[in-house]
Amino acid sequence: MIDSLYQITKKGWLTALSFILAVVMFGAILLHSNSFALHFGGKIPYLAVLVFYGMAILFIHGVGFEIRSTVWKGIFLPLIGYIIVLPPLVLLLLA
């Protein structure tokens, strides 16, 4: 099941999208660091770690790193990275 989910995101345009989203998220954190700290580091600091985890997933997928182990594919599944990164990115860019 994990292999089939990972194969969904094995397309070239999704790899490029992962890299672009990771870079935009990194830039949004740098440019809006106070807003990021207030929203994600205030009451629940684990949200910031979760956002960094999602960004790491997208960077790994975006540079084209090939993961062979099923366990690591489950940990670094790009769909999880998209789900984690998109809401904070929208919040930071609209706030």
PDB file of N, CA and C in Angstrom:
ATOM      1  N   MET A   1       0.818  -1.199   0.000  1.00  0.00           N
ATOM      2  CA  MET A   1       0.000   0.000   0.000  1.00  0.00           C
ATOM      3  C   MET A   1       0.859   1.258   0.000  1.00  0.00           C
ATOM      4  N   ILE A   2       1.911   1.265   0.826  1.00  0.00           N
ATOM      5  CA  ILE A   2       2.783   2.436   0.880  1.00  0.00           C
ATOM      6  C   ILE A   2       3.497   2.615  -0.447  1.00  0.00           C
ATOM      7  N   ASP A   3       3.907   1.503  -1.059  1.00  0.00           N
ATOM      8  CA  ASP A   3       4.578   1.593  -2.356  1.00  0.00           C
ATOM      9  C   ASP A   3       3.651   2.183  -3.418  1.00  0.00           C
ATOM     10  N   SER A   4       2.379   1.811  -3.396  1.00  0.00           N
ATOM     11  CA  SER A   4       1.451   2.360  -4.387  1.00  0.00           C
ATOM     12  C   SER A   4       1.186   3.838  -4.131  1.00  0.00           C
ATOM     13  N   LEU A   5       1.104   4.248  -2.864  1.00  0.00           N
ATOM     14  CA  LEU A   5       0.942   5.674  -2.557  1.00  0.00           C
ATOM     15  C   LEU A   5       2.179   6.465  -2.966  1.00  0.00           C
ATOM     16  N   TYR A   6       3.348   5.874  -2.776  1.00  0.00           N
ATOM     17  CA  TYR A   6       4.581   6.553  -3.157  1.00  0.00           C
ATOM     18  C   TYR A   6       4.700   6.662  -4.673  1.00  0.00           C
ATOM     19  N   GLN A   7       4.202   5.669  -5.403  1.00  0.00           N
ATOM     20  CA  GLN A   7       4.266   5.697  -6.861  1.00  0.00           C
ATOM     21  C   GLN A   7       3.359   6.777  -7.452  1.00  0.00           C
ATOM     22  N   ILE A   8       2.316   7.160  -6.729  1.00  0.00           N
ATOM     23  CA  ILE A   8       1.430   8.225  -7.205  1.00  0.00           C
ATOM     24  C   ILE A   8       2.197   9.525  -7.384  1.00  0.00           C
ATOM     25  N   THR A   9       3.125   9.798  -6.465  1.00  0.00           N
ATOM     26  CA  THR A   9       3.860  11.057  -6.488  1.00  0.00           C
ATOM     27  C   THR A   9       5.198  10.938  -7.210  1.00  0.00           C
ATOM     28  N   LYS A  10       5.415   9.900  -7.968  1.00  0.00           N
ATOM     29  CA  LYS A  10       6.687   9.679  -8.658  1.00  0.00           C
ATOM     30  C   LYS A  10       6.757  10.418  -9.994  1.00  0.00           C
ATOM     31  N   LYS A  11       5.795  11.251 -10.283  1.00  0.00           N
ATOM     32  CA  LYS A  11       5.770  11.988 -11.542  1.00  0.00           C
ATOM     33  C   LYS A  11       6.685  13.212 -11.449  1.00  0.00           C
ATOM     34  N   GLY A  12       7.208  13.636 -12.588  1.00  0.00           N
ATOM     35  CA  GLY A  12       8.154  14.744 -12.616  1.00  0.00           C
ATOM     36  C   GLY A  12       7.581  16.064 -12.154  1.00  0.00           C
ATOM     37  N   TRP A  13       6.344  16.355 -12.524  1.00  0.00           N
ATOM     38  CA  TRP A  13       5.771  17.635 -12.138  1.00  0.00           C
ATOM     39  C   TRP A  13       5.463  17.685 -10.646  1.00  0.00           C
ATOM     40  N   LEU A  14       5.160  16.544 -10.033  1.00  0.00           N
ATOM     41  CA  LEU A  14       4.959  16.533  -8.582  1.00  0.00           C
ATOM     42  C   LEU A  14       6.278  16.669  -7.829  1.00  0.00           C
ATOM     43  N   THR A  15       7.353  16.153  -8.409  1.00  0.00           N
ATOM     44  CA  THR A  15       8.662  16.346  -7.813  1.00  0.00           C
ATOM     45  C   THR A  15       9.034  17.828  -7.841  1.00  0.00           C
ATOM     46  N   ALA A  16       8.779  18.481  -8.960  1.00  0.00           N
ATOM     47  CA  ALA A  16       9.044  19.917  -9.069  1.00  0.00           C
ATOM     48  C   ALA A  16       8.158  20.711  -8.124  1.00  0.00           C
ATOM     49  N   LEU A  17       6.894  20.315  -8.008  1.00  0.00           N
ATOM     50  CA  LEU A  17       5.982  20.985  -7.082  1.00  0.00           C
ATOM     51  C   LEU A  17       6.463  20.837  -5.646  1.00  0.00           C
ATOM     52  N   SER A  18       6.966  19.674  -5.288  1.00  0.00           N
ATOM     53  CA  SER A  18       7.488  19.461  -3.940  1.00  0.00           C
ATOM     54  C   SER A  18       8.650  20.394  -3.654  1.00  0.00           C
ATOM     55  N   PHE A  19       9.566  20.514  -4.608  1.00  0.00           N
ATOM     56  CA  PHE A  19      10.715  21.394  -4.409  1.00  0.00           C
ATOM     57  C   PHE A  19      10.285  22.857  -4.308  1.00  0.00           C
ATOM     58  N   ILE A  20       9.363  23.266  -5.164  1.00  0.00           N
ATOM     59  CA  ILE A  20       8.882  24.653  -5.140  1.00  0.00           C
ATOM     60  C   ILE A  20       8.169  24.953  -3.826  1.00  0.00           C
ATOM     61  N   LEU A  21       7.303  24.050  -3.370  1.00  0.00           N
ATOM     62  CA  LEU A  21       6.601  24.267  -2.102  1.00  0.00           C
ATOM     63  C   LEU A  21       7.565  24.320  -0.917  1.00  0.00           C
ATOM     64  N   ALA A  22       8.589  23.468  -0.935  1.00  0.00           N
ATOM     65  CA  ALA A  22       9.566  23.481   0.153  1.00  0.00           C
ATOM     66  C   ALA A  22      10.344  24.789   0.169  1.00  0.00           C
ATOM     67  N   VAL A  23      10.749  25.278  -1.000  1.00  0.00           N
ATOM     68  CA  VAL A  23      11.494  26.532  -1.067  1.00  0.00           C
ATOM     69  C   VAL A  23      10.610  27.708  -0.668  1.00  0.00           C
ATOM     70  N   VAL A  24       9.365  27.723  -1.117  1.00  0.00           N
ATOM     71  CA  VAL A  24       8.439  28.801  -0.752  1.00  0.00           C
ATOM     72  C   VAL A  24       8.153  28.772   0.751  1.00  0.00           C
ATOM     73  N   MET A  25       7.996  27.584   1.317  1.00  0.00           N
ATOM     74  CA  MET A  25       7.770  27.483   2.765  1.00  0.00           C
ATOM     75  C   MET A  25       8.990  27.980   3.531  1.00  0.00           C
ATOM     76  N   PHE A  26      10.181  27.626   3.076  1.00  0.00           N
ATOM     77  CA  PHE A  26      11.407  28.096   3.705  1.00  0.00           C
ATOM     78  C   PHE A  26      11.489  29.622   3.644  1.00  0.00           C
ATOM     79  N   GLY A  27      11.178  30.181   2.484  1.00  0.00           N
ATOM     80  CA  GLY A  27      11.181  31.638   2.346  1.00  0.00           C
ATOM     81  C   GLY A  27      10.122  32.304   3.205  1.00  0.00           C
ATOM     82  N   ALA A  28       8.951  31.691   3.301  1.00  0.00           N
ATOM     83  CA  ALA A  28       7.891  32.263   4.133  1.00  0.00           C
ATOM     84  C   ALA A  28       8.277  32.245   5.607  1.00  0.00           C
ATOM     85  N   ILE A  29       8.963  31.196   6.032  1.00  0.00           N
ATOM     86  CA  ILE A  29       9.425  31.146   7.426  1.00  0.00           C
ATOM     87  C   ILE A  29      10.465  32.224   7.669  1.00  0.00           C
ATOM     88  N   LEU A  30      11.364  32.428   6.716  1.00  0.00           N
ATOM     89  CA  LEU A  30      12.384  33.465   6.888  1.00  0.00           C
ATOM     90  C   LEU A  30      11.792  34.867   6.849  1.00  0.00           C
ATOM     91  N   LEU A  31      10.890  35.117   5.916  1.00  0.00           N
ATOM     92  CA  LEU A  31      10.335  36.458   5.766  1.00  0.00           C
ATOM     93  C   LEU A  31       9.289  36.800   6.827  1.00  0.00           C
ATOM     94  N   HIS A  32       8.566  35.814   7.282  1.00  0.00           N
ATOM     95  CA  HIS A  32       7.512  36.034   8.272  1.00  0.00           C
ATOM     96  C   HIS A  32       7.829  35.263   9.551  1.00  0.00           C
ATOM     97  N   SER A  33       9.041  35.431  10.051  1.00  0.00           N
ATOM     98  CA  SER A  33       9.476  34.633  11.202  1.00  0.00           C
ATOM     99  C   SER A  33       8.693  34.952  12.468  1.00  0.00           C
ATOM    100  N   ASN A  34       8.331  36.216  12.669  1.00  0.00           N
ATOM    101  CA  ASN A  34       7.544  36.559  13.864  1.00  0.00           C
ATOM    102  C   ASN A  34       6.162  35.930  13.813  1.00  0.00           C
ATOM    103  N   SER A  35       5.538  36.002  12.652  1.00  0.00           N
ATOM    104  CA  SER A  35       4.218  35.392  12.500  1.00  0.00           C
ATOM    105  C   SER A  35       4.290  33.870  12.657  1.00  0.00           C
ATOM    106  N   PHE A  36       5.330  33.262  12.102  1.00  0.00           N
ATOM    107  CA  PHE A  36       5.505  31.823  12.252  1.00  0.00           C
ATOM    108  C   PHE A  36       5.697  31.446  13.717  1.00  0.00           C
ATOM    109  N   ALA A  37       6.497  32.228  14.429  1.00  0.00           N
ATOM    110  CA  ALA A  37       6.743  31.945  15.849  1.00  0.00           C
ATOM    111  C   ALA A  37       5.476  32.108  16.670  1.00  0.00           C
ATOM    112  N   LEU A  38       4.662  33.104  16.354  1.00  0.00           N
ATOM    113  CA  LEU A  38       3.421  33.307  17.109  1.00  0.00           C
ATOM    114  C   LEU A  38       2.406  32.203  16.852  1.00  0.00           C
ATOM    115  N   HIS A  39       2.245  31.828  15.592  1.00  0.00           N
ATOM    116  CA  HIS A  39       1.221  30.840  15.246  1.00  0.00           C
ATOM    117  C   HIS A  39       1.634  29.411  15.570  1.00  0.00           C
ATOM    118  N   PHE A  40       2.908  29.077  15.352  1.00  0.00           N
ATOM    119  CA  PHE A  40       3.317  27.685  15.444  1.00  0.00           C
ATOM    120  C   PHE A  40       4.260  27.388  16.599  1.00  0.00           C
ATOM    121  N   GLY A  41       4.812  28.399  17.223  1.00  0.00           N
ATOM    122  CA  GLY A  41       5.732  28.144  18.324  1.00  0.00           C
ATOM    123  C   GLY A  41       5.206  28.598  19.663  1.00  0.00           C
ATOM    124  N   GLY A  42       4.040  29.191  19.679  1.00  0.00           N
ATOM    125  CA  GLY A  42       3.497  29.758  20.906  1.00  0.00           C
ATOM    126  C   GLY A  42       2.991  28.724  21.886  1.00  0.00           C
ATOM    127  N   LYS A  43       1.746  28.336  21.743  1.00  0.00           N
ATOM    128  CA  LYS A  43       1.115  27.423  22.701  1.00  0.00           C
ATOM    129  C   LYS A  43       1.544  25.978  22.497  1.00  0.00           C
ATOM    130  N   ILE A  44       1.687  25.567  21.257  1.00  0.00           N
ATOM    131  CA  ILE A  44       2.056  24.184  20.957  1.00  0.00           C
ATOM    132  C   ILE A  44       3.320  24.215  20.094  1.00  0.00           C
ATOM    133  N   PRO A  45       4.502  24.156  20.713  1.00  0.00           N
ATOM    134  CA  PRO A  45       5.742  24.265  19.923  1.00  0.00           C
ATOM    135  C   PRO A  45       5.991  23.064  19.006  1.00  0.00           C
ATOM    136  N   TYR A  46       5.286  21.969  19.217  1.00  0.00           N
ATOM    137  CA  TYR A  46       5.473  20.806  18.353  1.00  0.00           C
ATOM    138  C   TYR A  46       4.938  21.041  16.951  1.00  0.00           C
ATOM    139  N   LEU A  47       4.085  22.053  16.780  1.00  0.00           N
ATOM    140  CA  LEU A  47       3.601  22.371  15.439  1.00  0.00           C
ATOM    141  C   LEU A  47       4.731  22.874  14.552  1.00  0.00           C
ATOM    142  N   ALA A  48       5.664  23.623  15.124  1.00  0.00           N
ATOM    143  CA  ALA A  48       6.817  24.101  14.350  1.00  0.00           C
ATOM    144  C   ALA A  48       7.673  22.923  13.891  1.00  0.00           C
ATOM    145  N   VAL A  49       7.873  21.952  14.766  1.00  0.00           N
ATOM    146  CA  VAL A  49       8.643  20.760  14.402  1.00  0.00           C
ATOM    147  C   VAL A  49       7.913  19.993  13.304  1.00  0.00           C
ATOM    148  N   LEU A  50       6.600  19.920  13.395  1.00  0.00           N
ATOM    149  CA  LEU A  50       5.806  19.237  12.375  1.00  0.00           C
ATOM    150  C   LEU A  50       5.936  19.934  11.017  1.00  0.00           C
ATOM    151  N   VAL A  51       5.943  21.264  11.022  1.00  0.00           N
ATOM    152  CA  VAL A  51       6.101  22.006   9.765  1.00  0.00           C
ATOM    153  C   VAL A  51       7.488  21.763   9.178  1.00  0.00           C
ATOM    154  N   PHE A  52       8.510  21.735  10.022  1.00  0.00           N
ATOM    155  CA  PHE A  52       9.859  21.450   9.529  1.00  0.00           C
ATOM    156  C   PHE A  52       9.964  20.023   8.995  1.00  0.00           C
ATOM    157  N   TYR A  53       9.266  19.096   9.612  1.00  0.00           N
ATOM    158  CA  TYR A  53       9.229  17.712   9.128  1.00  0.00           C
ATOM    159  C   TYR A  53       8.589  17.655   7.740  1.00  0.00           C
ATOM    160  N   GLY A  54       7.468  18.338   7.570  1.00  0.00           N
ATOM    161  CA  GLY A  54       6.817  18.376   6.260  1.00  0.00           C
ATOM    162  C   GLY A  54       7.684  19.029   5.206  1.00  0.00           C
ATOM    163  N   MET A  55       8.395  20.078   5.602  1.00  0.00           N
ATOM    164  CA  MET A  55       9.289  20.748   4.667  1.00  0.00           C
ATOM    165  C   MET A  55      10.456  19.838   4.289  1.00  0.00           C
ATOM    166  N   ALA A  56      10.956  19.071   5.243  1.00  0.00           N
ATOM    167  CA  ALA A  56      12.047  18.122   4.952  1.00  0.00           C
ATOM    168  C   ALA A  56      11.578  17.029   3.996  1.00  0.00           C
ATOM    169  N   ILE A  57      10.354  16.553   4.198  1.00  0.00           N
ATOM    170  CA  ILE A  57       9.796  15.551   3.281  1.00  0.00           C
ATOM    171  C   ILE A  57       9.763  16.097   1.857  1.00  0.00           C
ATOM    172  N   LEU A  58       9.307  17.333   1.710  1.00  0.00           N
ATOM    173  CA  LEU A  58       9.193  17.903   0.371  1.00  0.00           C
ATOM    174  C   LEU A  58      10.554  18.189  -0.242  1.00  0.00           C
ATOM    175  N   PHE A  59      11.538  18.600   0.573  1.00  0.00           N
ATOM    176  CA  PHE A  59      12.887  18.786   0.036  1.00  0.00           C
ATOM    177  C   PHE A  59      13.470  17.462  -0.440  1.00  0.00           C
ATOM    178  N   ILE A  60      13.299  16.411   0.345  1.00  0.00           N
ATOM    179  CA  ILE A  60      13.822  15.094  -0.041  1.00  0.00           C
ATOM    180  C   ILE A  60      13.178  14.619  -1.338  1.00  0.00           C
ATOM    181  N   HIS A  61      11.869  14.782  -1.440  1.00  0.00           N
ATOM    182  CA  HIS A  61      11.176  14.368  -2.664  1.00  0.00           C
ATOM    183  C   HIS A  61      11.522  15.294  -3.820  1.00  0.00           C
ATOM    184  N   GLY A  62      11.681  16.589  -3.531  1.00  0.00           N
ATOM    185  CA  GLY A  62      11.921  17.580  -4.574  1.00  0.00           C
ATOM    186  C   GLY A  62      13.277  17.475  -5.237  1.00  0.00           C
ATOM    187  N   VAL A  63      14.285  17.033  -4.505  1.00  0.00           N
ATOM    188  CA  VAL A  63      15.610  16.905  -5.122  1.00  0.00           C
ATOM    189  C   VAL A  63      15.754  15.578  -5.859  1.00  0.00           C
ATOM    190  N   GLY A  64      14.767  14.708  -5.756  1.00  0.00           N
ATOM    191  CA  GLY A  64      14.780  13.461  -6.503  1.00  0.00           C
ATOM    192  C   GLY A  64      15.453  12.308  -5.799  1.00  0.00           C
ATOM    193  N   PHE A  65      15.563  12.381  -4.490  1.00  0.00           N
ATOM    194  CA  PHE A  65      16.177  11.293  -3.739  1.00  0.00           C
ATOM    195  C   PHE A  65      15.308  10.052  -3.838  1.00  0.00           C
ATOM    196  N   GLU A  66      15.895   8.944  -4.233  1.00  0.00           N
ATOM    197  CA  GLU A  66      15.157   7.683  -4.404  1.00  0.00           C
ATOM    198  C   GLU A  66      15.207   6.870  -3.121  1.00  0.00           C
ATOM    199  N   ILE A  67      14.066   6.634  -2.530  1.00  0.00           N
ATOM    200  CA  ILE A  67      13.970   5.845  -1.302  1.00  0.00           C
ATOM    201  C   ILE A  67      13.576   4.425  -1.689  1.00  0.00           C
ATOM    202  N   ARG A  68      14.321   3.445  -1.199  1.00  0.00           N
ATOM    203  CA  ARG A  68      14.065   2.049  -1.568  1.00  0.00           C
ATOM    204  C   ARG A  68      13.331   1.272  -0.485  1.00  0.00           C
ATOM    205  N   SER A  69      13.572   1.586   0.763  1.00  0.00           N
ATOM    206  CA  SER A  69      12.963   0.843   1.861  1.00  0.00           C
ATOM    207  C   SER A  69      11.508   1.267   2.061  1.00  0.00           C
ATOM    208  N   THR A  70      10.650   0.304   2.271  1.00  0.00           N
ATOM    209  CA  THR A  70       9.231   0.592   2.460  1.00  0.00           C
ATOM    210  C   THR A  70       8.983   1.380   3.741  1.00  0.00           C
ATOM    211  N   VAL A  71       9.757   1.105   4.768  1.00  0.00           N
ATOM    212  CA  VAL A  71       9.598   1.828   6.035  1.00  0.00           C
ATOM    213  C   VAL A  71       9.899   3.308   5.841  1.00  0.00           C
ATOM    214  N   TRP A  72      11.000   3.609   5.142  1.00  0.00           N
ATOM    215  CA  TRP A  72      11.370   5.003   4.920  1.00  0.00           C
ATOM    216  C   TRP A  72      10.421   5.681   3.939  1.00  0.00           C
ATOM    217  N   LYS A  73       9.879   4.915   3.009  1.00  0.00           N
ATOM    218  CA  LYS A  73       8.867   5.485   2.117  1.00  0.00           C
ATOM    219  C   LYS A  73       7.639   5.911   2.902  1.00  0.00           C
ATOM    220  N   GLY A  74       7.290   5.139   3.921  1.00  0.00           N
ATOM    221  CA  GLY A  74       6.159   5.505   4.763  1.00  0.00           C
ATOM    222  C   GLY A  74       6.438   6.729   5.619  1.00  0.00           C
ATOM    223  N   ILE A  75       7.670   6.859   6.091  1.00  0.00           N
ATOM    224  CA  ILE A  75       8.030   8.006   6.930  1.00  0.00           C
ATOM    225  C   ILE A  75       8.131   9.278   6.096  1.00  0.00           C
ATOM    226  N   PHE A  76       8.676   9.174   4.889  1.00  0.00           N
ATOM    227  CA  PHE A  76       8.872  10.337   4.026  1.00  0.00           C
ATOM    228  C   PHE A  76       7.925  10.321   2.832  1.00  0.00           C
ATOM    229  N   LEU A  77       6.671   9.992   3.055  1.00  0.00           N
ATOM    230  CA  LEU A  77       5.657   9.972   2.001  1.00  0.00           C
ATOM    231  C   LEU A  77       5.324  11.411   1.592  1.00  0.00           C
ATOM    232  N   PRO A  78       5.481  11.761   0.326  1.00  0.00           N
ATOM    233  CA  PRO A  78       5.235  13.139  -0.106  1.00  0.00           C
ATOM    234  C   PRO A  78       3.809  13.625   0.135  1.00  0.00           C
ATOM    235  N   LEU A  79       2.837  12.730   0.093  1.00  0.00           N
ATOM    236  CA  LEU A  79       1.456  13.157   0.364  1.00  0.00           C
ATOM    237  C   LEU A  79       1.311  13.704   1.778  1.00  0.00           C
ATOM    238  N   ILE A  80       2.028  13.110   2.725  1.00  0.00           N
ATOM    239  CA  ILE A  80       2.018  13.621   4.095  1.00  0.00           C
ATOM    240  C   ILE A  80       2.655  15.005   4.129  1.00  0.00           C
ATOM    241  N   GLY A  81       3.732  15.196   3.381  1.00  0.00           N
ATOM    242  CA  GLY A  81       4.381  16.503   3.316  1.00  0.00           C
ATOM    243  C   GLY A  81       3.466  17.580   2.761  1.00  0.00           C
ATOM    244  N   TYR A  82       2.695  17.235   1.720  1.00  0.00           N
ATOM    245  CA  TYR A  82       1.744  18.200   1.163  1.00  0.00           C
ATOM    246  C   TYR A  82       0.679  18.574   2.196  1.00  0.00           C
ATOM    247  N   ILE A  83       0.167  17.579   2.899  1.00  0.00           N
ATOM    248  CA  ILE A  83      -0.878  17.829   3.897  1.00  0.00           C
ATOM    249  C   ILE A  83      -0.355  18.676   5.038  1.00  0.00           C
ATOM    250  N   ILE A  84       0.893  18.463   5.423  1.00  0.00           N
ATOM    251  CA  ILE A  84       1.467  19.222   6.535  1.00  0.00           C
ATOM    252  C   ILE A  84       1.813  20.651   6.113  1.00  0.00           C
ATOM    253  N   VAL A  85       2.369  20.849   4.929  1.00  0.00           N
ATOM    254  CA  VAL A  85       2.934  22.146   4.548  1.00  0.00           C
ATOM    255  C   VAL A  85       1.901  23.125   3.988  1.00  0.00           C
ATOM    256  N   LEU A  86       0.903  22.659   3.288  1.00  0.00           N
ATOM    257  CA  LEU A  86      -0.028  23.575   2.630  1.00  0.00           C
ATOM    258  C   LEU A  86      -0.792  24.502   3.587  1.00  0.00           C
ATOM    259  N   PRO A  87      -1.396  24.005   4.678  1.00  0.00           N
ATOM    260  CA  PRO A  87      -2.122  24.943   5.550  1.00  0.00           C
ATOM    261  C   PRO A  87      -1.228  26.009   6.210  1.00  0.00           C
ATOM    262  N   PRO A  88      -0.048  25.673   6.748  1.00  0.00           N
ATOM    263  CA  PRO A  88       0.799  26.741   7.291  1.00  0.00           C
ATOM    264  C   PRO A  88       1.283  27.721   6.219  1.00  0.00           C
ATOM    265  N   LEU A  89       1.522  27.223   5.024  1.00  0.00           N
ATOM    266  CA  LEU A  89       1.966  28.105   3.954  1.00  0.00           C
ATOM    267  C   LEU A  89       0.880  29.121   3.602  1.00  0.00           C
ATOM    268  N   VAL A  90      -0.344  28.672   3.498  1.00  0.00           N
ATOM    269  CA  VAL A  90      -1.457  29.576   3.218  1.00  0.00           C
ATOM    270  C   VAL A  90      -1.626  30.571   4.364  1.00  0.00           C
ATOM    271  N   LEU A  91      -1.505  30.099   5.600  1.00  0.00           N
ATOM    272  CA  LEU A  91      -1.650  30.979   6.757  1.00  0.00           C
ATOM    273  C   LEU A  91      -0.561  32.051   6.798  1.00  0.00           C
ATOM    274  N   LEU A  92       0.669  31.664   6.500  1.00  0.00           N
ATOM    275  CA  LEU A  92       1.770  32.630   6.545  1.00  0.00           C
ATOM    276  C   LEU A  92       1.699  33.631   5.392  1.00  0.00           C
ATOM    277  N   LEU A  93       1.294  33.173   4.223  1.00  0.00           N
ATOM    278  CA  LEU A  93       1.259  34.069   3.082  1.00  0.00           C
ATOM    279  C   LEU A  93       0.047  34.995   3.109  1.00  0.00           C
ATOM    280  N   LEU A  94      -1.019  34.604   3.742  1.00  0.00           N
ATOM    281  CA  LEU A  94      -2.214  35.455   3.802  1.00  0.00           C
ATOM    282  C   LEU A  94      -2.240  36.348   5.043  1.00  0.00           C
ATOM    283  N   ALA A  95      -1.431  36.011   6.051  1.00  0.00           N
ATOM    284  CA  ALA A  95      -1.444  36.821   7.287  1.00  0.00           C
ATOM    285  C   ALA A  95      -0.533  38.009   7.179  1.00  0.00           C
TER     286      ALA A  95
END
